[in-house]
Amino acid sequence: MCKHIENVQIAFRAPCCNRWFDCSECHYELSDHALDAAIELAFICKQCRKPFRKDMMLFGEEDERCPHCDNLFVLPAVMNDMANSGDDSSSRAATRTDKQASPDSATLTATAAAPTFL
């Protein structure tokens, strides 16, 4: 369960470590590396629990729902107050910067070769 976003509807598989996370903040907290980029990402719907993949370069309105159960997973995020309570944003930003890789490493928005398997 994600402590950052209350209404998270999917989990994604991080292309860098093949581990499942509810959000990118969860990845940063639980991993010792930066989140790699991928053109295609693997997801699991939290409603029907079925996996699916999406091409992030061609992501449109028709891609905002689970292809199996039609659950809408692109929603405005409802941030969890517990994740922010007692959290100094400047210390959080410093921690996040410490974990980031070199400037020429890929990010989620950069294009990189996507894995061909789920």
PDB file of N, CA and C in Angstrom:
ATOM      1  N   MET A   1       0.838  -1.172   0.000  1.00  0.00           N
ATOM      2  CA  MET A   1       0.000   0.000   0.000  1.00  0.00           C
ATOM      3  C   MET A   1       0.889   1.243   0.000  1.00  0.00           C
ATOM      4  N   CYS A   2       0.572   2.177  -0.864  1.00  0.00           N
ATOM      5  CA  CYS A   2       1.366   3.387  -1.023  1.00  0.00           C
ATOM      6  C   CYS A   2       1.070   4.377   0.099  1.00  0.00           C
ATOM      7  N   LYS A   3       2.114   4.882   0.719  1.00  0.00           N
ATOM      8  CA  LYS A   3       1.910   5.880   1.765  1.00  0.00           C
ATOM      9  C   LYS A   3       1.932   7.298   1.208  1.00  0.00           C
ATOM     10  N   HIS A   4       2.193   7.447  -0.085  1.00  0.00           N
ATOM     11  CA  HIS A   4       2.270   8.765  -0.705  1.00  0.00           C
ATOM     12  C   HIS A   4       0.972   9.168  -1.398  1.00  0.00           C
ATOM     13  N   ILE A   5       0.322   8.225  -2.054  1.00  0.00           N
ATOM     14  CA  ILE A   5      -0.894   8.505  -2.816  1.00  0.00           C
ATOM     15  C   ILE A   5      -1.986   7.546  -2.348  1.00  0.00           C
ATOM     16  N   GLU A   6      -3.053   8.095  -1.771  1.00  0.00           N
ATOM     17  CA  GLU A   6      -4.125   7.264  -1.209  1.00  0.00           C
ATOM     18  C   GLU A   6      -4.924   6.510  -2.260  1.00  0.00           C
ATOM     19  N   ASN A   7      -5.159   7.120  -3.408  1.00  0.00           N
ATOM     20  CA  ASN A   7      -6.053   6.522  -4.401  1.00  0.00           C
ATOM     21  C   ASN A   7      -5.308   5.854  -5.555  1.00  0.00           C
ATOM     22  N   VAL A   8      -4.133   5.334  -5.291  1.00  0.00           N
ATOM     23  CA  VAL A   8      -3.368   4.672  -6.348  1.00  0.00           C
ATOM     24  C   VAL A   8      -4.144   3.444  -6.842  1.00  0.00           C
ATOM     25  N   GLN A   9      -4.266   3.308  -8.147  1.00  0.00           N
ATOM     26  CA  GLN A   9      -5.082   2.257  -8.759  1.00  0.00           C
ATOM     27  C   GLN A   9      -4.258   1.155  -9.411  1.00  0.00           C
ATOM     28  N   ILE A  10      -2.958   1.394  -9.588  1.00  0.00           N
ATOM     29  CA  ILE A  10      -2.091   0.423 -10.254  1.00  0.00           C
ATOM     30  C   ILE A  10      -0.748   0.367  -9.545  1.00  0.00           C
ATOM     31  N   ALA A  11      -0.013  -0.683  -9.800  1.00  0.00           N
ATOM     32  CA  ALA A  11       1.391  -0.776  -9.417  1.00  0.00           C
ATOM     33  C   ALA A  11       2.171  -0.901 -10.717  1.00  0.00           C
ATOM     34  N   PHE A  12       3.400  -0.406 -10.724  1.00  0.00           N
ATOM     35  CA  PHE A  12       4.225  -0.521 -11.923  1.00  0.00           C
ATOM     36  C   PHE A  12       5.498  -1.283 -11.593  1.00  0.00           C
ATOM     37  N   ARG A  13       6.054  -1.928 -12.600  1.00  0.00           N
ATOM     38  CA  ARG A  13       7.322  -2.630 -12.417  1.00  0.00           C
ATOM     39  C   ARG A  13       8.445  -1.713 -12.859  1.00  0.00           C
ATOM     40  N   ALA A  14       9.360  -1.433 -11.958  1.00  0.00           N
ATOM     41  CA  ALA A  14      10.499  -0.568 -12.267  1.00  0.00           C
ATOM     42  C   ALA A  14      11.411  -1.288 -13.253  1.00  0.00           C
ATOM     43  N   PRO A  15      11.720  -0.653 -14.379  1.00  0.00           N
ATOM     44  CA  PRO A  15      12.548  -1.312 -15.389  1.00  0.00           C
ATOM     45  C   PRO A  15      13.989  -1.523 -14.935  1.00  0.00           C
ATOM     46  N   CYS A  16      14.430  -0.779 -13.927  1.00  0.00           N
ATOM     47  CA  CYS A  16      15.814  -0.880 -13.470  1.00  0.00           C
ATOM     48  C   CYS A  16      16.055  -2.100 -12.581  1.00  0.00           C
ATOM     49  N   CYS A  17      15.067  -2.500 -11.793  1.00  0.00           N
ATOM     50  CA  CYS A  17      15.271  -3.584 -10.832  1.00  0.00           C
ATOM     51  C   CYS A  17      14.194  -4.666 -10.901  1.00  0.00           C
ATOM     52  N   ASN A  18      13.202  -4.487 -11.782  1.00  0.00           N
ATOM     53  CA  ASN A  18      12.109  -5.453 -11.955  1.00  0.00           C
ATOM     54  C   ASN A  18      11.314  -5.702 -10.675  1.00  0.00           C
ATOM     55  N   ARG A  19      11.281  -4.712  -9.783  1.00  0.00           N
ATOM     56  CA  ARG A  19      10.470  -4.798  -8.568  1.00  0.00           C
ATOM     57  C   ARG A  19       9.223  -3.945  -8.756  1.00  0.00           C
ATOM     58  N   TRP A  20       8.139  -4.324  -8.077  1.00  0.00           N
ATOM     59  CA  TRP A  20       6.854  -3.637  -8.204  1.00  0.00           C
ATOM     60  C   TRP A  20       6.729  -2.544  -7.158  1.00  0.00           C
ATOM     61  N   PHE A  21       6.221  -1.369  -7.587  1.00  0.00           N
ATOM     62  CA  PHE A  21       6.028  -0.221  -6.709  1.00  0.00           C
ATOM     63  C   PHE A  21       4.694   0.442  -7.023  1.00  0.00           C
ATOM     64  N   ASP A  22       4.134   1.123  -6.018  1.00  0.00           N
ATOM     65  CA  ASP A  22       2.888   1.863  -6.216  1.00  0.00           C
ATOM     66  C   ASP A  22       3.130   3.242  -6.816  1.00  0.00           C
ATOM     67  N   CYS A  23       4.278   3.857  -6.539  1.00  0.00           N
ATOM     68  CA  CYS A  23       4.599   5.174  -7.096  1.00  0.00           C
ATOM     69  C   CYS A  23       6.109   5.341  -7.149  1.00  0.00           C
ATOM     70  N   SER A  24       6.560   6.367  -7.844  1.00  0.00           N
ATOM     71  CA  SER A  24       8.000   6.593  -7.976  1.00  0.00           C
ATOM     72  C   SER A  24       8.631   6.974  -6.641  1.00  0.00           C
ATOM     73  N   GLU A  25       7.876   7.634  -5.757  1.00  0.00           N
ATOM     74  CA  GLU A  25       8.396   7.971  -4.431  1.00  0.00           C
ATOM     75  C   GLU A  25       8.684   6.699  -3.628  1.00  0.00           C
ATOM     76  N   CYS A  26       7.825   5.701  -3.746  1.00  0.00           N
ATOM     77  CA  CYS A  26       8.067   4.421  -3.075  1.00  0.00           C
ATOM     78  C   CYS A  26       9.373   3.806  -3.580  1.00  0.00           C
ATOM     79  N   HIS A  27       9.611   3.893  -4.888  1.00  0.00           N
ATOM     80  CA  HIS A  27      10.857   3.366  -5.458  1.00  0.00           C
ATOM     81  C   HIS A  27      12.059   4.082  -4.863  1.00  0.00           C
ATOM     82  N   TYR A  28      12.009   5.408  -4.785  1.00  0.00           N
ATOM     83  CA  TYR A  28      13.135   6.175  -4.245  1.00  0.00           C
ATOM     84  C   TYR A  28      13.400   5.824  -2.788  1.00  0.00           C
ATOM     85  N   GLU A  29      12.352   5.580  -2.010  1.00  0.00           N
ATOM     86  CA  GLU A  29      12.527   5.252  -0.598  1.00  0.00           C
ATOM     87  C   GLU A  29      13.060   3.843  -0.378  1.00  0.00           C
ATOM     88  N   LEU A  30      12.668   2.910  -1.228  1.00  0.00           N
ATOM     89  CA  LEU A  30      12.989   1.505  -0.994  1.00  0.00           C
ATOM     90  C   LEU A  30      14.162   0.986  -1.824  1.00  0.00           C
ATOM     91  N   SER A  31      14.726   1.823  -2.683  1.00  0.00           N
ATOM     92  CA  SER A  31      15.811   1.382  -3.557  1.00  0.00           C
ATOM     93  C   SER A  31      17.047   2.238  -3.333  1.00  0.00           C
ATOM     94  N   ASP A  32      18.179   1.692  -3.733  1.00  0.00           N
ATOM     95  CA  ASP A  32      19.435   2.430  -3.599  1.00  0.00           C
ATOM     96  C   ASP A  32      19.927   2.949  -4.949  1.00  0.00           C
ATOM     97  N   HIS A  33      19.026   3.102  -5.892  1.00  0.00           N
ATOM     98  CA  HIS A  33      19.385   3.554  -7.235  1.00  0.00           C
ATOM     99  C   HIS A  33      18.263   4.418  -7.806  1.00  0.00           C
ATOM    100  N   ALA A  34      18.589   5.141  -8.872  1.00  0.00           N
ATOM    101  CA  ALA A  34      17.590   5.987  -9.541  1.00  0.00           C
ATOM    102  C   ALA A  34      16.661   5.118 -10.382  1.00  0.00           C
ATOM    103  N   LEU A  35      15.483   5.612 -10.610  1.00  0.00           N
ATOM    104  CA  LEU A  35      14.490   4.919 -11.426  1.00  0.00           C
ATOM    105  C   LEU A  35      14.847   5.089 -12.897  1.00  0.00           C
ATOM    106  N   ASP A  36      15.069   3.987 -13.586  1.00  0.00           N
ATOM    107  CA  ASP A  36      15.433   4.028 -15.004  1.00  0.00           C
ATOM    108  C   ASP A  36      14.233   4.343 -15.881  1.00  0.00           C
ATOM    109  N   ALA A  37      14.540   4.779 -17.069  1.00  0.00           N
ATOM    110  CA  ALA A  37      13.502   5.091 -18.051  1.00  0.00           C
ATOM    111  C   ALA A  37      13.128   3.848 -18.842  1.00  0.00           C
ATOM    112  N   ALA A  38      11.935   3.871 -19.385  1.00  0.00           N
ATOM    113  CA  ALA A  38      11.487   2.813 -20.287  1.00  0.00           C
ATOM    114  C   ALA A  38      10.369   3.370 -21.146  1.00  0.00           C
ATOM    115  N   ILE A  39      10.326   2.951 -22.371  1.00  0.00           N
ATOM    116  CA  ILE A  39       9.253   3.366 -23.264  1.00  0.00           C
ATOM    117  C   ILE A  39       7.988   2.581 -22.943  1.00  0.00           C
ATOM    118  N   GLU A  40       8.152   1.314 -22.619  1.00  0.00           N
ATOM    119  CA  GLU A  40       7.015   0.459 -22.285  1.00  0.00           C
ATOM    120  C   GLU A  40       7.132   0.043 -20.823  1.00  0.00           C
ATOM    121  N   LEU A  41       6.036   0.196 -20.082  1.00  0.00           N
ATOM    122  CA  LEU A  41       6.025  -0.179 -18.673  1.00  0.00           C
ATOM    123  C   LEU A  41       4.998  -1.272 -18.422  1.00  0.00           C
ATOM    124  N   ALA A  42       5.300  -2.116 -17.449  1.00  0.00           N
ATOM    125  CA  ALA A  42       4.377  -3.162 -17.016  1.00  0.00           C
ATOM    126  C   ALA A  42       3.625  -2.656 -15.787  1.00  0.00           C
ATOM    127  N   PHE A  43       2.326  -2.909 -15.747  1.00  0.00           N
ATOM    128  CA  PHE A  43       1.459  -2.476 -14.657  1.00  0.00           C
ATOM    129  C   PHE A  43       0.639  -3.657 -14.151  1.00  0.00           C
ATOM    130  N   ILE A  44       0.124  -3.525 -12.931  1.00  0.00           N
ATOM    131  CA  ILE A  44      -0.874  -4.448 -12.391  1.00  0.00           C
ATOM    132  C   ILE A  44      -2.019  -3.593 -11.870  1.00  0.00           C
ATOM    133  N   CYS A  45      -3.218  -3.909 -12.309  1.00  0.00           N
ATOM    134  CA  CYS A  45      -4.411  -3.202 -11.846  1.00  0.00           C
ATOM    135  C   CYS A  45      -4.714  -3.654 -10.416  1.00  0.00           C
ATOM    136  N   LYS A  46      -4.972  -2.714  -9.530  1.00  0.00           N
ATOM    137  CA  LYS A  46      -5.272  -3.063  -8.141  1.00  0.00           C
ATOM    138  C   LYS A  46      -6.707  -3.542  -7.964  1.00  0.00           C
ATOM    139  N   GLN A  47      -7.556  -3.315  -8.962  1.00  0.00           N
ATOM    140  CA  GLN A  47      -8.944  -3.768  -8.854  1.00  0.00           C
ATOM    141  C   GLN A  47      -9.081  -5.227  -9.286  1.00  0.00           C
ATOM    142  N   CYS A  48      -8.595  -5.559 -10.487  1.00  0.00           N
ATOM    143  CA  CYS A  48      -8.758  -6.932 -10.988  1.00  0.00           C
ATOM    144  C   CYS A  48      -7.491  -7.779 -10.812  1.00  0.00           C
ATOM    145  N   ARG A  49      -6.376  -7.137 -10.428  1.00  0.00           N
ATOM    146  CA  ARG A  49      -5.094  -7.799 -10.157  1.00  0.00           C
ATOM    147  C   ARG A  49      -4.488  -8.463 -11.392  1.00  0.00           C
ATOM    148  N   LYS A  50      -4.833  -7.979 -12.582  1.00  0.00           N
ATOM    149  CA  LYS A  50      -4.272  -8.530 -13.816  1.00  0.00           C
ATOM    150  C   LYS A  50      -3.190  -7.604 -14.355  1.00  0.00           C
ATOM    151  N   PRO A  51      -2.125  -8.181 -14.914  1.00  0.00           N
ATOM    152  CA  PRO A  51      -1.039  -7.363 -15.471  1.00  0.00           C
ATOM    153  C   PRO A  51      -1.360  -6.883 -16.885  1.00  0.00           C
ATOM    154  N   PHE A  52      -0.755  -5.768 -17.243  1.00  0.00           N
ATOM    155  CA  PHE A  52      -0.844  -5.255 -18.614  1.00  0.00           C
ATOM    156  C   PHE A  52       0.350  -4.342 -18.861  1.00  0.00           C
ATOM    157  N   ARG A  53       0.608  -4.062 -20.130  1.00  0.00           N
ATOM    158  CA  ARG A  53       1.719  -3.188 -20.499  1.00  0.00           C
ATOM    159  C   ARG A  53       1.193  -2.000 -21.291  1.00  0.00           C
ATOM    160  N   LYS A  54       1.898  -0.879 -21.166  1.00  0.00           N
ATOM    161  CA  LYS A  54       1.529   0.338 -21.888  1.00  0.00           C
ATOM    162  C   LYS A  54       2.777   0.954 -22.506  1.00  0.00           C
ATOM    163  N   ASP A  55       2.627   1.400 -23.745  1.00  0.00           N
ATOM    164  CA  ASP A  55       3.672   2.155 -24.428  1.00  0.00           C
ATOM    165  C   ASP A  55       3.521   3.605 -23.988  1.00  0.00           C
ATOM    166  N   MET A  56       4.478   4.121 -23.246  1.00  0.00           N
ATOM    167  CA  MET A  56       4.370   5.460 -22.688  1.00  0.00           C
ATOM    168  C   MET A  56       4.555   6.551 -23.741  1.00  0.00           C
ATOM    169  N   MET A  57       5.085   6.214 -24.900  1.00  0.00           N
ATOM    170  CA  MET A  57       5.236   7.192 -25.981  1.00  0.00           C
ATOM    171  C   MET A  57       3.904   7.420 -26.701  1.00  0.00           C
ATOM    172  N   LEU A  58       3.008   6.440 -26.654  1.00  0.00           N
ATOM    173  CA  LEU A  58       1.724   6.525 -27.348  1.00  0.00           C
ATOM    174  C   LEU A  58       0.556   6.572 -26.369  1.00  0.00           C
ATOM    175  N   PHE A  59       0.795   7.011 -25.154  1.00  0.00           N
ATOM    176  CA  PHE A  59      -0.214   6.999 -24.101  1.00  0.00           C
ATOM    177  C   PHE A  59      -1.261   8.073 -24.370  1.00  0.00           C
ATOM    178  N   GLY A  60      -2.512   7.649 -24.555  1.00  0.00           N
ATOM    179  CA  GLY A  60      -3.606   8.578 -24.836  1.00  0.00           C
ATOM    180  C   GLY A  60      -4.776   8.349 -23.900  1.00  0.00           C
ATOM    181  N   GLU A  61      -5.882   9.033 -24.167  1.00  0.00           N
ATOM    182  CA  GLU A  61      -7.077   8.917 -23.327  1.00  0.00           C
ATOM    183  C   GLU A  61      -7.584   7.487 -23.224  1.00  0.00           C
ATOM    184  N   GLU A  62      -7.494   6.742 -24.310  1.00  0.00           N
ATOM    185  CA  GLU A  62      -7.974   5.358 -24.305  1.00  0.00           C
ATOM    186  C   GLU A  62      -7.099   4.453 -23.439  1.00  0.00           C
ATOM    187  N   ASP A  63      -5.909   4.937 -23.054  1.00  0.00           N
ATOM    188  CA  ASP A  63      -4.989   4.155 -22.229  1.00  0.00           C
ATOM    189  C   ASP A  63      -5.120   4.462 -20.741  1.00  0.00           C
ATOM    190  N   GLU A  64      -6.107   5.236 -20.342  1.00  0.00           N
ATOM    191  CA  GLU A  64      -6.268   5.629 -18.947  1.00  0.00           C
ATOM    192  C   GLU A  64      -7.063   4.621 -18.127  1.00  0.00           C
ATOM    193  N   ARG A  65      -7.449   3.512 -18.743  1.00  0.00           N
ATOM    194  CA  ARG A  65      -8.243   2.485 -18.060  1.00  0.00           C
ATOM    195  C   ARG A  65      -7.563   1.124 -18.182  1.00  0.00           C
ATOM    196  N   CYS A  66      -7.823   0.277 -17.214  1.00  0.00           N
ATOM    197  CA  CYS A  66      -7.315  -1.092 -17.271  1.00  0.00           C
ATOM    198  C   CYS A  66      -7.939  -1.789 -18.477  1.00  0.00           C
ATOM    199  N   PRO A  67      -7.145  -2.462 -19.302  1.00  0.00           N
ATOM    200  CA  PRO A  67      -7.705  -3.140 -20.469  1.00  0.00           C
ATOM    201  C   PRO A  67      -8.539  -4.372 -20.112  1.00  0.00           C
ATOM    202  N   HIS A  68      -8.451  -4.840 -18.866  1.00  0.00           N
ATOM    203  CA  HIS A  68      -9.185  -6.036 -18.447  1.00  0.00           C
ATOM    204  C   HIS A  68     -10.523  -5.709 -17.777  1.00  0.00           C
ATOM    205  N   CYS A  69     -10.512  -4.746 -16.845  1.00  0.00           N
ATOM    206  CA  CYS A  69     -11.733  -4.476 -16.067  1.00  0.00           C
ATOM    207  C   CYS A  69     -12.276  -3.062 -16.270  1.00  0.00           C
ATOM    208  N   ASP A  70     -11.623  -2.264 -17.073  1.00  0.00           N
ATOM    209  CA  ASP A  70     -12.045  -0.896 -17.395  1.00  0.00           C
ATOM    210  C   ASP A  70     -11.937   0.055 -16.202  1.00  0.00           C
ATOM    211  N   ASN A  71     -11.169  -0.313 -15.170  1.00  0.00           N
ATOM    212  CA  ASN A  71     -10.944   0.556 -14.016  1.00  0.00           C
ATOM    213  C   ASN A  71     -10.138   1.778 -14.454  1.00  0.00           C
ATOM    214  N   LEU A  72     -10.638   2.966 -14.156  1.00  0.00           N
ATOM    215  CA  LEU A  72      -9.930   4.203 -14.475  1.00  0.00           C
ATOM    216  C   LEU A  72      -8.765   4.352 -13.507  1.00  0.00           C
ATOM    217  N   PHE A  73      -7.526   4.338 -14.023  1.00  0.00           N
ATOM    218  CA  PHE A  73      -6.378   4.454 -13.137  1.00  0.00           C
ATOM    219  C   PHE A  73      -5.643   5.775 -13.269  1.00  0.00           C
ATOM    220  N   VAL A  74      -5.970   6.593 -14.242  1.00  0.00           N
ATOM    221  CA  VAL A  74      -5.382   7.928 -14.335  1.00  0.00           C
ATOM    222  C   VAL A  74      -6.354   8.885 -13.651  1.00  0.00           C
ATOM    223  N   LEU A  75      -6.029   9.219 -12.408  1.00  0.00           N
ATOM    224  CA  LEU A  75      -6.867  10.077 -11.565  1.00  0.00           C
ATOM    225  C   LEU A  75      -6.006  11.180 -10.966  1.00  0.00           C
ATOM    226  N   PRO A  76      -6.605  12.292 -10.561  1.00  0.00           N
ATOM    227  CA  PRO A  76      -5.838  13.266  -9.781  1.00  0.00           C
ATOM    228  C   PRO A  76      -5.403  12.589  -8.478  1.00  0.00           C
ATOM    229  N   ALA A  77      -4.146  12.700  -8.143  1.00  0.00           N
ATOM    230  CA  ALA A  77      -3.620  12.029  -6.956  1.00  0.00           C
ATOM    231  C   ALA A  77      -4.176  12.652  -5.687  1.00  0.00           C
ATOM    232  N   VAL A  78      -4.558  11.811  -4.748  1.00  0.00           N
ATOM    233  CA  VAL A  78      -4.951  12.246  -3.413  1.00  0.00           C
ATOM    234  C   VAL A  78      -3.771  11.911  -2.518  1.00  0.00           C
ATOM    235  N   MET A  79      -3.071  12.948  -2.093  1.00  0.00           N
ATOM    236  CA  MET A  79      -1.862  12.742  -1.315  1.00  0.00           C
ATOM    237  C   MET A  79      -2.212  12.348   0.111  1.00  0.00           C
ATOM    238  N   ASN A  80      -1.457  11.428   0.662  1.00  0.00           N
ATOM    239  CA  ASN A  80      -1.666  10.943   2.013  1.00  0.00           C
ATOM    240  C   ASN A  80      -1.031  11.919   2.991  1.00  0.00           C
ATOM    241  N   ASP A  81      -1.799  12.426   3.952  1.00  0.00           N
ATOM    242  CA  ASP A  81      -1.282  13.377   4.935  1.00  0.00           C
ATOM    243  C   ASP A  81      -0.206  12.760   5.810  1.00  0.00           C
ATOM    244  N   MET A  82      -0.295  11.466   6.088  1.00  0.00           N
ATOM    245  CA  MET A  82       0.698  10.805   6.932  1.00  0.00           C
ATOM    246  C   MET A  82       2.066  10.807   6.274  1.00  0.00           C
ATOM    247  N   ALA A  83       2.118  10.744   4.971  1.00  0.00           N
ATOM    248  CA  ALA A  83       3.400  10.748   4.273  1.00  0.00           C
ATOM    249  C   ALA A  83       4.070  12.102   4.394  1.00  0.00           C
ATOM    250  N   ASN A  84       3.297  13.161   4.561  1.00  0.00           N
ATOM    251  CA  ASN A  84       3.850  14.504   4.632  1.00  0.00           C
ATOM    252  C   ASN A  84       3.988  15.029   6.053  1.00  0.00           C
ATOM    253  N   SER A  85       3.374  14.369   7.044  1.00  0.00           N
ATOM    254  CA  SER A  85       3.424  14.872   8.410  1.00  0.00           C
ATOM    255  C   SER A  85       4.830  14.737   8.979  1.00  0.00           C
ATOM    256  N   GLY A  86       5.331  15.845   9.520  1.00  0.00           N
ATOM    257  CA  GLY A  86       6.660  15.844  10.099  1.00  0.00           C
ATOM    258  C   GLY A  86       7.758  15.726   9.075  1.00  0.00           C
ATOM    259  N   ASP A  87       7.433  15.890   7.843  1.00  0.00           N
ATOM    260  CA  ASP A  87       8.408  15.734   6.768  1.00  0.00           C
ATOM    261  C   ASP A  87       8.853  17.100   6.288  1.00  0.00           C
ATOM    262  N   ASP A  88      10.110  17.419   6.494  1.00  0.00           N
ATOM    263  CA  ASP A  88      10.658  18.688   6.026  1.00  0.00           C
ATOM    264  C   ASP A  88      10.993  18.548   4.558  1.00  0.00           C
ATOM    265  N   SER A  89      10.374  19.356   3.723  1.00  0.00           N
ATOM    266  CA  SER A  89      10.549  19.211   2.274  1.00  0.00           C
ATOM    267  C   SER A  89      11.986  19.444   1.846  1.00  0.00           C
ATOM    268  N   SER A  90      12.728  20.295   2.550  1.00  0.00           N
ATOM    269  CA  SER A  90      14.114  20.538   2.151  1.00  0.00           C
ATOM    270  C   SER A  90      14.986  19.325   2.446  1.00  0.00           C
ATOM    271  N   SER A  91      14.763  18.650   3.584  1.00  0.00           N
ATOM    272  CA  SER A  91      15.546  17.455   3.879  1.00  0.00           C
ATOM    273  C   SER A  91      15.149  16.309   2.964  1.00  0.00           C
ATOM    274  N   ARG A  92      13.872  16.264   2.596  1.00  0.00           N
ATOM    275  CA  ARG A  92      13.408  15.234   1.669  1.00  0.00           C
ATOM    276  C   ARG A  92      14.037  15.429   0.294  1.00  0.00           C
ATOM    277  N   ALA A  93      14.096  16.666  -0.170  1.00  0.00           N
ATOM    278  CA  ALA A  93      14.712  16.953  -1.464  1.00  0.00           C
ATOM    279  C   ALA A  93      16.191  16.605  -1.435  1.00  0.00           C
ATOM    280  N   ALA A  94      16.862  16.879  -0.317  1.00  0.00           N
ATOM    281  CA  ALA A  94      18.286  16.554  -0.210  1.00  0.00           C
ATOM    282  C   ALA A  94      18.493  15.049  -0.260  1.00  0.00           C
ATOM    283  N   THR A  95      17.661  14.286   0.425  1.00  0.00           N
ATOM    284  CA  THR A  95      17.765  12.832   0.403  1.00  0.00           C
ATOM    285  C   THR A  95      17.540  12.299  -1.000  1.00  0.00           C
ATOM    286  N   ARG A  96      16.567  12.837  -1.672  1.00  0.00           N
ATOM    287  CA  ARG A  96      16.261  12.384  -3.032  1.00  0.00           C
ATOM    288  C   ARG A  96      17.420  12.695  -3.972  1.00  0.00           C
ATOM    289  N   THR A  97      18.039  13.867  -3.819  1.00  0.00           N
ATOM    290  CA  THR A  97      19.176  14.243  -4.655  1.00  0.00           C
ATOM    291  C   THR A  97      20.345  13.306  -4.406  1.00  0.00           C
ATOM    292  N   ASP A  98      20.550  12.915  -3.142  1.00  0.00           N
ATOM    293  CA  ASP A  98      21.637  11.997  -2.819  1.00  0.00           C
ATOM    294  C   ASP A  98      21.471  10.660  -3.519  1.00  0.00           C
ATOM    295  N   LYS A  99      20.241  10.202  -3.681  1.00  0.00           N
ATOM    296  CA  LYS A  99      19.990   8.895  -4.280  1.00  0.00           C
ATOM    297  C   LYS A  99      20.034   8.915  -5.800  1.00  0.00           C
ATOM    298  N   GLN A 100      19.937  10.093  -6.403  1.00  0.00           N
ATOM    299  CA  GLN A 100      19.896  10.156  -7.855  1.00  0.00           C
ATOM    300  C   GLN A 100      21.259   9.828  -8.437  1.00  0.00           C
ATOM    301  N   ALA A 101      21.217   9.220  -9.594  1.00  0.00           N
ATOM    302  CA  ALA A 101      22.444   8.824 -10.276  1.00  0.00           C
ATOM    303  C   ALA A 101      23.031  10.021 -11.012  1.00  0.00           C
ATOM    304  N   SER A 102      24.091   9.755 -11.762  1.00  0.00           N
ATOM    305  CA  SER A 102      24.774  10.804 -12.504  1.00  0.00           C
ATOM    306  C   SER A 102      23.831  11.482 -13.488  1.00  0.00           C
ATOM    307  N   PRO A 103      24.158  12.726 -13.909  1.00  0.00           N
ATOM    308  CA  PRO A 103      23.259  13.481 -14.786  1.00  0.00           C
ATOM    309  C   PRO A 103      22.974  12.816 -16.120  1.00  0.00           C
ATOM    310  N   ASP A 104      23.870  11.965 -16.599  1.00  0.00           N
ATOM    311  CA  ASP A 104      23.619  11.348 -17.893  1.00  0.00           C
ATOM    312  C   ASP A 104      22.882  10.018 -17.775  1.00  0.00           C
ATOM    313  N   SER A 105      22.434   9.658 -16.581  1.00  0.00           N
ATOM    314  CA  SER A 105      21.631   8.440 -16.461  1.00  0.00           C
ATOM    315  C   SER A 105      20.202   8.738 -16.881  1.00  0.00           C
ATOM    316  N   ALA A 106      19.478   7.717 -17.258  1.00  0.00           N
ATOM    317  CA  ALA A 106      18.116   7.897 -17.776  1.00  0.00           C
ATOM    318  C   ALA A 106      17.135   8.182 -16.651  1.00  0.00           C
ATOM    319  N   THR A 107      16.061   8.864 -16.993  1.00  0.00           N
ATOM    320  CA  THR A 107      14.963   9.111 -16.063  1.00  0.00           C
ATOM    321  C   THR A 107      13.691   8.559 -16.679  1.00  0.00           C
ATOM    322  N   LEU A 108      12.594   8.640 -15.955  1.00  0.00           N
ATOM    323  CA  LEU A 108      11.333   8.123 -16.484  1.00  0.00           C
ATOM    324  C   LEU A 108      10.893   8.845 -17.747  1.00  0.00           C
ATOM    325  N   THR A 109      11.242  10.117 -17.874  1.00  0.00           N
ATOM    326  CA  THR A 109      10.798  10.872 -19.039  1.00  0.00           C
ATOM    327  C   THR A 109      11.746  10.746 -20.220  1.00  0.00           C
ATOM    328  N   ALA A 110      12.919  10.213 -20.000  1.00  0.00           N
ATOM    329  CA  ALA A 110      13.859  10.033 -21.102  1.00  0.00           C
ATOM    330  C   ALA A 110      13.480   8.786 -21.881  1.00  0.00           C
ATOM    331  N   THR A 111      13.926   8.710 -23.111  1.00  0.00           N
ATOM    332  CA  THR A 111      13.638   7.516 -23.903  1.00  0.00           C
ATOM    333  C   THR A 111      14.814   6.561 -23.802  1.00  0.00           C
ATOM    334  N   ALA A 112      14.512   5.312 -23.641  1.00  0.00           N
ATOM    335  CA  ALA A 112      15.520   4.265 -23.557  1.00  0.00           C
ATOM    336  C   ALA A 112      14.905   2.995 -24.113  1.00  0.00           C
ATOM    337  N   ALA A 113      15.748   2.049 -24.413  1.00  0.00           N
ATOM    338  CA  ALA A 113      15.241   0.781 -24.939  1.00  0.00           C
ATOM    339  C   ALA A 113      14.407   0.091 -23.867  1.00  0.00           C
ATOM    340  N   ALA A 114      13.213  -0.270 -24.204  1.00  0.00           N
ATOM    341  CA  ALA A 114      12.308  -0.921 -23.263  1.00  0.00           C
ATOM    342  C   ALA A 114      12.491  -2.426 -23.330  1.00  0.00           C
ATOM    343  N   PRO A 115      12.323  -3.102 -22.199  1.00  0.00           N
ATOM    344  CA  PRO A 115      12.396  -4.558 -22.243  1.00  0.00           C
ATOM    345  C   PRO A 115      11.254  -5.116 -23.084  1.00  0.00           C
ATOM    346  N   THR A 116      11.498  -6.240 -23.714  1.00  0.00           N
ATOM    347  CA  THR A 116      10.486  -6.820 -24.596  1.00  0.00           C
ATOM    348  C   THR A 116       9.647  -7.875 -23.898  1.00  0.00           C
ATOM    349  N   PHE A 117       9.850  -8.036 -22.594  1.00  0.00           N
ATOM    350  CA  PHE A 117       9.078  -9.028 -21.852  1.00  0.00           C
ATOM    351  C   PHE A 117       8.355  -8.339 -20.711  1.00  0.00           C
ATOM    352  N   LEU A 118       7.365  -9.020 -20.141  1.00  0.00           N
ATOM    353  CA  LEU A 118       6.607  -8.449 -19.033  1.00  0.00           C
ATOM    354  C   LEU A 118       7.176  -8.842 -17.725  1.00  0.00           C
TER     355      LEU A 118
END
